């Protein structure tokens, strides 16, 4: 009867070692995130661009290429701290008494003009990417576009 007891102990020892290793890995990942300073601000935001149905049929590699082109061209997503500051200013303006419609209009205009600027840069990068594609790739993209529109 004593022969059967060593096997369960070995299993529990393996489970304990695996659990300990997983805990150390999680603690290391959290510590790395905190020490790198990225934990506070979160991951970098994506640059959002939308080209309707044509944008939705792009391959992920095409989207990455366009995004990289945008970044090389100077378009950067707004930082989380800056966005928080702008949203906070808008919230303060909404709470103000008396309500300052001109201030809110200016703040909203800032959001709109930045969005328009990024969209213009995105369109330029998008058109450049399309021009660099082979005729076959553009034809395949057109086929995907038509196929998706029929659904």
N, C-alpha and C. Protein backbone atom coordinates (compact mmCIF):
# COMPACT_ATOMS: atom_id res chain seq x y z
N UNK A 1 0.80 -1.19 0.00
CA UNK A 1 0.00 0.00 0.00
C UNK A 1 0.84 1.26 0.00
N UNK A 2 2.03 1.19 0.54
CA UNK A 2 2.90 2.36 0.54
C UNK A 2 3.45 2.65 -0.85
N UNK A 3 3.40 1.66 -1.78
CA UNK A 3 3.93 1.84 -3.13
C UNK A 3 3.09 2.87 -3.90
N UNK A 4 1.80 2.99 -3.64
CA UNK A 4 0.91 3.86 -4.41
C UNK A 4 1.06 5.33 -4.00
N UNK A 5 1.53 5.64 -2.83
CA UNK A 5 1.58 7.02 -2.37
C UNK A 5 2.65 7.88 -3.04
N UNK A 6 3.83 7.38 -3.49
CA UNK A 6 4.80 8.27 -4.12
C UNK A 6 4.30 8.90 -5.43
N UNK A 7 3.48 8.21 -6.20
CA UNK A 7 2.99 8.74 -7.48
C UNK A 7 2.17 10.02 -7.31
N UNK A 8 1.18 10.09 -6.42
CA UNK A 8 0.44 11.34 -6.22
C UNK A 8 1.34 12.48 -5.73
N UNK A 9 2.34 12.19 -4.89
CA UNK A 9 3.24 13.23 -4.43
C UNK A 9 4.01 13.83 -5.60
N UNK A 10 4.46 13.01 -6.52
CA UNK A 10 5.21 13.48 -7.68
C UNK A 10 4.33 14.38 -8.55
N UNK A 11 3.07 14.00 -8.75
CA UNK A 11 2.14 14.81 -9.54
C UNK A 11 1.95 16.17 -8.89
N UNK A 12 1.76 16.18 -7.56
CA UNK A 12 1.55 17.45 -6.86
C UNK A 12 2.81 18.31 -6.90
N UNK A 13 3.97 17.68 -6.89
CA UNK A 13 5.22 18.43 -6.98
C UNK A 13 5.33 19.10 -8.36
N UNK A 14 4.96 18.38 -9.42
CA UNK A 14 4.98 18.95 -10.77
C UNK A 14 3.98 20.09 -10.89
N UNK A 15 2.79 19.89 -10.34
CA UNK A 15 1.77 20.94 -10.37
C UNK A 15 2.26 22.17 -9.62
N UNK A 16 2.88 21.97 -8.48
CA UNK A 16 3.39 23.08 -7.69
C UNK A 16 4.48 23.84 -8.46
N UNK A 17 5.41 23.13 -9.08
CA UNK A 17 6.49 23.78 -9.83
C UNK A 17 5.92 24.56 -11.02
N UNK A 18 4.98 23.99 -11.75
CA UNK A 18 4.37 24.69 -12.88
C UNK A 18 3.62 25.94 -12.41
N UNK A 19 2.91 25.82 -11.30
CA UNK A 19 2.17 26.96 -10.77
C UNK A 19 3.14 28.07 -10.34
N UNK A 20 4.22 27.68 -9.70
CA UNK A 20 5.23 28.65 -9.28
C UNK A 20 5.84 29.35 -10.49
N UNK A 21 6.15 28.60 -11.54
CA UNK A 21 6.73 29.18 -12.75
C UNK A 21 5.77 30.16 -13.40
N UNK A 22 4.50 29.81 -13.46
CA UNK A 22 3.50 30.71 -14.03
C UNK A 22 3.38 31.99 -13.21
N UNK A 23 3.37 31.86 -11.90
CA UNK A 23 3.30 33.04 -11.03
C UNK A 23 4.50 33.95 -11.24
N UNK A 24 5.69 33.38 -11.33
CA UNK A 24 6.90 34.17 -11.55
C UNK A 24 6.83 34.88 -12.90
N UNK A 25 6.33 34.21 -13.92
CA UNK A 25 6.20 34.82 -15.25
C UNK A 25 5.23 35.99 -15.22
N UNK A 26 4.10 35.83 -14.56
CA UNK A 26 3.12 36.91 -14.47
C UNK A 26 3.69 38.09 -13.70
N UNK A 27 4.34 37.82 -12.58
CA UNK A 27 4.95 38.90 -11.78
C UNK A 27 6.02 39.62 -12.60
N UNK A 28 6.82 38.86 -13.36
CA UNK A 28 7.84 39.47 -14.21
C UNK A 28 7.24 40.35 -15.29
N UNK A 29 6.16 39.91 -15.89
CA UNK A 29 5.50 40.70 -16.94
C UNK A 29 4.94 41.99 -16.37
N UNK A 30 4.28 41.91 -15.22
CA UNK A 30 3.72 43.10 -14.59
C UNK A 30 4.83 44.05 -14.17
N UNK A 31 5.89 43.53 -13.58
CA UNK A 31 7.01 44.38 -13.16
C UNK A 31 7.64 45.05 -14.37
N UNK A 32 7.81 44.33 -15.46
CA UNK A 32 8.38 44.91 -16.67
C UNK A 32 7.52 46.02 -17.23
N UNK A 33 6.22 45.83 -17.19
CA UNK A 33 5.30 46.85 -17.68
C UNK A 33 5.37 48.10 -16.82
N UNK A 34 5.40 47.92 -15.51
CA UNK A 34 5.45 49.06 -14.60
C UNK A 34 6.79 49.79 -14.73
N UNK A 35 7.88 49.04 -14.75
CA UNK A 35 9.21 49.67 -14.83
C UNK A 35 9.44 50.36 -16.17
N UNK A 36 8.82 49.88 -17.24
CA UNK A 36 9.00 50.51 -18.54
C UNK A 36 8.21 51.81 -18.66
N UNK A 37 7.26 52.03 -17.77
CA UNK A 37 6.47 53.25 -17.80
C UNK A 37 5.25 53.16 -18.70
N UNK A 38 5.07 52.04 -19.38
CA UNK A 38 3.94 51.91 -20.29
C UNK A 38 2.65 51.54 -19.59
N UNK A 39 2.73 51.09 -18.35
CA UNK A 39 1.52 50.66 -17.65
C UNK A 39 0.59 51.83 -17.39
N UNK A 40 1.16 53.00 -17.13
CA UNK A 40 0.34 54.16 -16.81
C UNK A 40 -0.42 54.67 -18.03
N UNK A 41 0.26 54.72 -19.14
CA UNK A 41 -0.35 55.31 -20.33
C UNK A 41 -1.03 54.28 -21.22
N UNK A 42 -0.83 53.02 -20.97
CA UNK A 42 -1.44 51.98 -21.79
C UNK A 42 -0.68 51.80 -23.09
N UNK A 43 -1.11 50.86 -23.89
CA UNK A 43 -0.43 50.62 -25.16
C UNK A 43 -0.64 51.80 -26.10
N UNK A 44 0.25 51.96 -27.08
CA UNK A 44 0.06 53.07 -28.01
C UNK A 44 -1.25 52.90 -28.76
N UNK A 45 -1.88 54.01 -29.03
CA UNK A 45 -3.14 53.95 -29.74
C UNK A 45 -2.88 53.73 -31.22
N UNK A 46 -3.86 53.17 -31.88
CA UNK A 46 -3.77 52.95 -33.32
C UNK A 46 -4.15 54.23 -34.04
N UNK A 47 -3.62 54.34 -35.23
CA UNK A 47 -4.07 55.42 -36.09
C UNK A 47 -5.29 54.88 -36.82
N UNK A 48 -6.41 55.54 -36.65
CA UNK A 48 -7.64 55.06 -37.25
C UNK A 48 -7.84 55.72 -38.61
N UNK A 49 -8.09 54.93 -39.60
CA UNK A 49 -8.46 55.47 -40.90
C UNK A 49 -9.57 54.60 -41.45
N UNK A 50 -10.46 55.21 -42.18
CA UNK A 50 -11.63 54.49 -42.69
C UNK A 50 -11.84 54.89 -44.15
N UNK A 51 -11.94 53.90 -44.99
CA UNK A 51 -12.20 54.16 -46.40
C UNK A 51 -13.40 53.36 -46.87
N UNK A 52 -14.37 53.25 -45.99
CA UNK A 52 -15.60 52.58 -46.35
C UNK A 52 -15.37 51.13 -46.73
N UNK A 53 -16.12 50.65 -47.71
CA UNK A 53 -16.03 49.24 -48.07
C UNK A 53 -14.65 48.84 -48.58
N UNK A 54 -13.94 49.74 -49.23
CA UNK A 54 -12.61 49.41 -49.73
C UNK A 54 -11.64 49.16 -48.58
N UNK A 55 -11.73 49.95 -47.54
CA UNK A 55 -10.87 49.76 -46.38
C UNK A 55 -11.14 48.45 -45.66
N UNK A 56 -12.38 47.99 -45.70
CA UNK A 56 -12.74 46.75 -45.00
C UNK A 56 -12.27 45.49 -45.71
N UNK A 57 -11.93 45.58 -46.99
CA UNK A 57 -11.49 44.38 -47.70
C UNK A 57 -9.96 44.30 -47.78
N UNK A 58 -9.28 45.28 -47.22
CA UNK A 58 -7.82 45.25 -47.23
C UNK A 58 -7.30 44.10 -46.37
N UNK A 59 -6.20 43.55 -46.78
CA UNK A 59 -5.52 42.53 -45.97
C UNK A 59 -4.87 43.22 -44.77
N UNK A 60 -4.70 42.50 -43.67
CA UNK A 60 -4.02 43.09 -42.51
C UNK A 60 -2.64 43.64 -42.85
N UNK A 61 -1.92 42.96 -43.73
CA UNK A 61 -0.58 43.44 -44.11
C UNK A 61 -0.68 44.77 -44.85
N UNK A 62 -1.73 44.96 -45.66
CA UNK A 62 -1.93 46.23 -46.34
C UNK A 62 -2.25 47.34 -45.33
N UNK A 63 -3.09 47.02 -44.36
CA UNK A 63 -3.42 48.01 -43.33
C UNK A 63 -2.17 48.43 -42.57
N UNK A 64 -1.32 47.42 -42.22
CA UNK A 64 -0.08 47.74 -41.50
C UNK A 64 0.82 48.62 -42.35
N UNK A 65 0.93 48.32 -43.64
CA UNK A 65 1.78 49.11 -44.53
C UNK A 65 1.28 50.56 -44.60
N UNK A 66 -0.02 50.75 -44.69
CA UNK A 66 -0.58 52.10 -44.75
C UNK A 66 -0.34 52.82 -43.42
N UNK A 67 -0.54 52.13 -42.31
CA UNK A 67 -0.30 52.73 -41.00
C UNK A 67 1.16 53.12 -40.84
N UNK A 68 2.07 52.24 -41.26
CA UNK A 68 3.50 52.55 -41.18
C UNK A 68 3.84 53.75 -42.04
N UNK A 69 3.23 53.84 -43.21
CA UNK A 69 3.45 54.98 -44.09
C UNK A 69 2.96 56.27 -43.43
N UNK A 70 1.82 56.19 -42.77
CA UNK A 70 1.30 57.34 -42.05
C UNK A 70 2.27 57.80 -40.96
N UNK A 71 2.78 56.84 -40.22
CA UNK A 71 3.72 57.19 -39.14
C UNK A 71 5.00 57.79 -39.71
N UNK A 72 5.49 57.22 -40.80
CA UNK A 72 6.69 57.79 -41.43
C UNK A 72 6.43 59.21 -41.91
N UNK A 73 5.18 59.47 -42.30
CA UNK A 73 4.81 60.80 -42.78
C UNK A 73 4.51 61.78 -41.67
N UNK A 74 4.65 61.37 -40.43
CA UNK A 74 4.46 62.27 -39.31
C UNK A 74 3.13 62.17 -38.60
N UNK A 75 2.22 61.34 -39.08
CA UNK A 75 0.92 61.19 -38.41
C UNK A 75 1.11 60.24 -37.24
N UNK A 76 0.83 60.72 -36.08
CA UNK A 76 0.93 59.89 -34.87
C UNK A 76 -0.41 59.93 -34.16
N UNK A 77 -0.78 58.82 -33.56
CA UNK A 77 -2.02 58.85 -32.78
C UNK A 77 -1.84 59.80 -31.60
N UNK A 78 -2.91 60.41 -31.21
CA UNK A 78 -2.85 61.32 -30.07
C UNK A 78 -2.53 60.50 -28.83
N UNK A 79 -1.66 61.01 -27.99
CA UNK A 79 -1.28 60.31 -26.77
C UNK A 79 -2.44 60.23 -25.80
N UNK A 80 -2.43 59.20 -24.99
CA UNK A 80 -3.52 59.03 -24.03
C UNK A 80 -3.58 60.20 -23.05
N UNK A 81 -2.43 60.68 -22.61
CA UNK A 81 -2.42 61.80 -21.66
C UNK A 81 -3.01 63.05 -22.31
N UNK A 82 -2.62 63.30 -23.57
CA UNK A 82 -3.15 64.46 -24.28
C UNK A 82 -4.66 64.32 -24.50
N UNK A 83 -5.09 63.13 -24.87
CA UNK A 83 -6.51 62.90 -25.09
C UNK A 83 -7.29 63.10 -23.78
N UNK A 84 -6.75 62.57 -22.67
CA UNK A 84 -7.40 62.75 -21.38
C UNK A 84 -7.53 64.23 -21.04
N UNK A 85 -6.47 64.97 -21.34
CA UNK A 85 -6.48 66.41 -21.06
C UNK A 85 -7.55 67.13 -21.89
N UNK A 86 -7.64 66.78 -23.18
CA UNK A 86 -8.64 67.41 -24.05
C UNK A 86 -10.06 67.04 -23.62
N UNK A 87 -10.26 65.78 -23.27
CA UNK A 87 -11.59 65.35 -22.82
C UNK A 87 -11.94 66.02 -21.50
N UNK A 88 -10.96 66.15 -20.62
CA UNK A 88 -11.19 66.82 -19.34
C UNK A 88 -11.57 68.28 -19.56
N UNK A 89 -10.88 68.95 -20.49
CA UNK A 89 -11.21 70.35 -20.79
C UNK A 89 -12.63 70.45 -21.34
N UNK A 90 -13.01 69.49 -22.20
CA UNK A 90 -14.37 69.50 -22.74
C UNK A 90 -15.39 69.25 -21.64
N UNK A 91 -15.10 68.31 -20.75
CA UNK A 91 -16.02 68.03 -19.64
C UNK A 91 -16.17 69.26 -18.74
N UNK A 92 -15.05 69.94 -18.47
CA UNK A 92 -15.12 71.16 -17.65
C UNK A 92 -15.96 72.23 -18.34
N UNK A 93 -15.79 72.35 -19.64
CA UNK A 93 -16.57 73.36 -20.38
C UNK A 93 -18.06 73.01 -20.37
N UNK A 94 -18.38 71.74 -20.42
CA UNK A 94 -19.79 71.33 -20.37
C UNK A 94 -20.40 71.60 -19.01
N UNK A 95 -19.57 71.52 -17.95
CA UNK A 95 -20.08 71.74 -16.59
C UNK A 95 -20.15 73.23 -16.23
N UNK A 96 -19.48 74.06 -17.00
CA UNK A 96 -19.38 75.47 -16.60
C UNK A 96 -20.76 76.13 -16.56
N UNK A 97 -20.87 77.06 -15.62
CA UNK A 97 -22.11 77.82 -15.49
C UNK A 97 -21.73 79.28 -15.36
N UNK A 98 -22.01 80.09 -16.29
CA UNK A 98 -22.87 79.86 -17.44
C UNK A 98 -22.14 79.05 -18.52
N UNK A 99 -22.92 78.39 -19.32
CA UNK A 99 -22.41 77.56 -20.41
C UNK A 99 -21.74 78.45 -21.45
N UNK A 100 -20.50 78.08 -21.82
CA UNK A 100 -19.73 78.85 -22.81
C UNK A 100 -19.76 78.08 -24.13
N UNK A 101 -20.74 78.38 -24.95
CA UNK A 101 -20.92 77.68 -26.22
C UNK A 101 -19.71 77.86 -27.14
N UNK A 102 -19.12 79.04 -27.15
CA UNK A 102 -17.96 79.31 -28.02
C UNK A 102 -16.77 78.44 -27.63
N UNK A 103 -16.54 78.26 -26.32
CA UNK A 103 -15.44 77.42 -25.85
C UNK A 103 -15.66 75.96 -26.27
N UNK A 104 -16.87 75.47 -26.06
CA UNK A 104 -17.18 74.08 -26.45
C UNK A 104 -17.03 73.92 -27.97
N UNK A 105 -17.46 74.91 -28.71
CA UNK A 105 -17.32 74.87 -30.16
C UNK A 105 -15.85 74.82 -30.56
N UNK A 106 -15.01 75.62 -29.91
CA UNK A 106 -13.57 75.59 -30.20
C UNK A 106 -12.96 74.23 -29.87
N UNK A 107 -13.33 73.67 -28.73
CA UNK A 107 -12.79 72.36 -28.33
C UNK A 107 -13.22 71.27 -29.32
N UNK A 108 -14.49 71.28 -29.69
CA UNK A 108 -14.97 70.30 -30.68
C UNK A 108 -14.30 70.52 -32.03
N UNK A 109 -14.07 71.78 -32.38
CA UNK A 109 -13.38 72.08 -33.63
C UNK A 109 -11.96 71.55 -33.64
N UNK A 110 -11.30 71.56 -32.48
CA UNK A 110 -9.96 70.98 -32.38
C UNK A 110 -9.96 69.49 -32.66
N UNK A 111 -10.96 68.78 -32.10
CA UNK A 111 -11.09 67.35 -32.38
C UNK A 111 -11.33 67.12 -33.88
N UNK A 112 -12.23 67.91 -34.44
CA UNK A 112 -12.59 67.74 -35.85
C UNK A 112 -11.40 68.03 -36.77
N UNK A 113 -10.68 69.12 -36.51
CA UNK A 113 -9.58 69.48 -37.41
C UNK A 113 -8.46 68.45 -37.34
N UNK A 114 -8.20 67.90 -36.15
CA UNK A 114 -7.17 66.85 -36.06
C UNK A 114 -7.62 65.61 -36.81
N UNK A 115 -8.88 65.26 -36.67
CA UNK A 115 -9.42 64.10 -37.37
C UNK A 115 -9.35 64.29 -38.89
N UNK A 116 -9.70 65.49 -39.35
CA UNK A 116 -9.64 65.76 -40.79
C UNK A 116 -8.20 65.68 -41.31
N UNK A 117 -7.25 66.20 -40.52
CA UNK A 117 -5.85 66.17 -40.91
C UNK A 117 -5.35 64.73 -41.03
N UNK A 118 -5.70 63.90 -40.05
CA UNK A 118 -5.28 62.50 -40.08
C UNK A 118 -5.94 61.78 -41.26
N UNK A 119 -7.22 62.07 -41.52
CA UNK A 119 -7.91 61.44 -42.65
C UNK A 119 -7.27 61.84 -43.98
N UNK A 120 -6.87 63.09 -44.13
CA UNK A 120 -6.20 63.52 -45.36
C UNK A 120 -4.87 62.80 -45.53
N UNK A 121 -4.10 62.70 -44.44
CA UNK A 121 -2.82 61.98 -44.50
C UNK A 121 -3.06 60.51 -44.81
N UNK A 122 -4.11 59.94 -44.22
CA UNK A 122 -4.43 58.53 -44.46
C UNK A 122 -4.82 58.31 -45.92
N UNK A 123 -5.59 59.21 -46.48
CA UNK A 123 -5.99 59.06 -47.88
C UNK A 123 -4.76 59.11 -48.80
N UNK A 124 -3.84 60.02 -48.52
CA UNK A 124 -2.63 60.11 -49.32
C UNK A 124 -1.82 58.81 -49.22
N UNK A 125 -1.65 58.30 -48.00
CA UNK A 125 -0.90 57.05 -47.80
C UNK A 125 -1.63 55.88 -48.46
N UNK A 126 -2.96 55.88 -48.37
CA UNK A 126 -3.76 54.81 -48.96
C UNK A 126 -3.61 54.79 -50.48
N UNK A 127 -3.72 55.97 -51.09
CA UNK A 127 -3.58 56.05 -52.55
C UNK A 127 -2.18 55.65 -53.00
N UNK A 128 -1.17 56.04 -52.24
CA UNK A 128 0.20 55.64 -52.56
C UNK A 128 0.35 54.13 -52.49
N UNK A 129 -0.27 53.54 -51.48
CA UNK A 129 -0.19 52.08 -51.34
C UNK A 129 -0.88 51.39 -52.52
N UNK A 130 -2.05 51.90 -52.91
CA UNK A 130 -2.75 51.32 -54.06
C UNK A 130 -1.92 51.45 -55.33
N UNK A 131 -1.24 52.58 -55.50
CA UNK A 131 -0.43 52.79 -56.70
C UNK A 131 0.77 51.84 -56.73
N UNK A 132 1.26 51.45 -55.55
CA UNK A 132 2.41 50.53 -55.48
C UNK A 132 2.01 49.08 -55.68
N UNK A 133 0.72 48.77 -55.55
CA UNK A 133 0.26 47.40 -55.73
C UNK A 133 0.35 47.01 -57.20
N UNK A 134 0.53 45.72 -57.41
CA UNK A 134 0.53 45.23 -58.79
C UNK A 134 -0.89 45.26 -59.33
N UNK A 135 -1.00 45.21 -60.64
CA UNK A 135 -2.33 45.19 -61.26
C UNK A 135 -3.12 43.99 -60.77
N UNK A 136 -2.46 42.86 -60.61
CA UNK A 136 -3.13 41.65 -60.12
C UNK A 136 -3.66 41.82 -58.71
N UNK A 137 -2.86 42.47 -57.85
CA UNK A 137 -3.32 42.70 -56.48
C UNK A 137 -4.49 43.66 -56.44
N UNK A 138 -4.45 44.70 -57.28
CA UNK A 138 -5.57 45.65 -57.31
C UNK A 138 -6.83 44.96 -57.86
N UNK A 139 -6.66 44.10 -58.84
CA UNK A 139 -7.80 43.35 -59.39
C UNK A 139 -8.39 42.44 -58.33
N UNK A 140 -7.53 41.76 -57.58
CA UNK A 140 -8.01 40.89 -56.50
C UNK A 140 -8.74 41.71 -55.44
N UNK A 141 -8.24 42.90 -55.15
CA UNK A 141 -8.90 43.77 -54.19
C UNK A 141 -10.28 44.20 -54.71
N UNK A 142 -10.35 44.52 -55.99
CA UNK A 142 -11.63 44.91 -56.61
C UNK A 142 -12.62 43.74 -56.56
N UNK A 143 -12.12 42.53 -56.81
CA UNK A 143 -12.98 41.35 -56.75
C UNK A 143 -13.54 41.15 -55.33
N UNK A 144 -12.67 41.30 -54.33
CA UNK A 144 -13.11 41.16 -52.95
C UNK A 144 -14.13 42.24 -52.60
N UNK A 145 -13.92 43.43 -53.12
CA UNK A 145 -14.83 44.54 -52.86
C UNK A 145 -16.22 44.22 -53.43
N UNK A 146 -16.27 43.74 -54.68
CA UNK A 146 -17.55 43.40 -55.28
C UNK A 146 -18.22 42.22 -54.58
N UNK A 147 -17.41 41.23 -54.23
CA UNK A 147 -17.95 40.05 -53.55
C UNK A 147 -18.57 40.45 -52.21
N UNK A 148 -17.89 41.31 -51.48
CA UNK A 148 -18.41 41.74 -50.17
C UNK A 148 -19.66 42.59 -50.33
N UNK A 149 -19.72 43.40 -51.38
CA UNK A 149 -20.89 44.28 -51.55
C UNK A 149 -22.14 43.50 -51.92
N UNK A 150 -21.96 42.31 -52.49
CA UNK A 150 -23.13 41.49 -52.86
C UNK A 150 -23.77 40.85 -51.63
N UNK A 151 -23.01 40.73 -50.55
CA UNK A 151 -23.54 40.10 -49.33
C UNK A 151 -24.51 40.97 -48.63
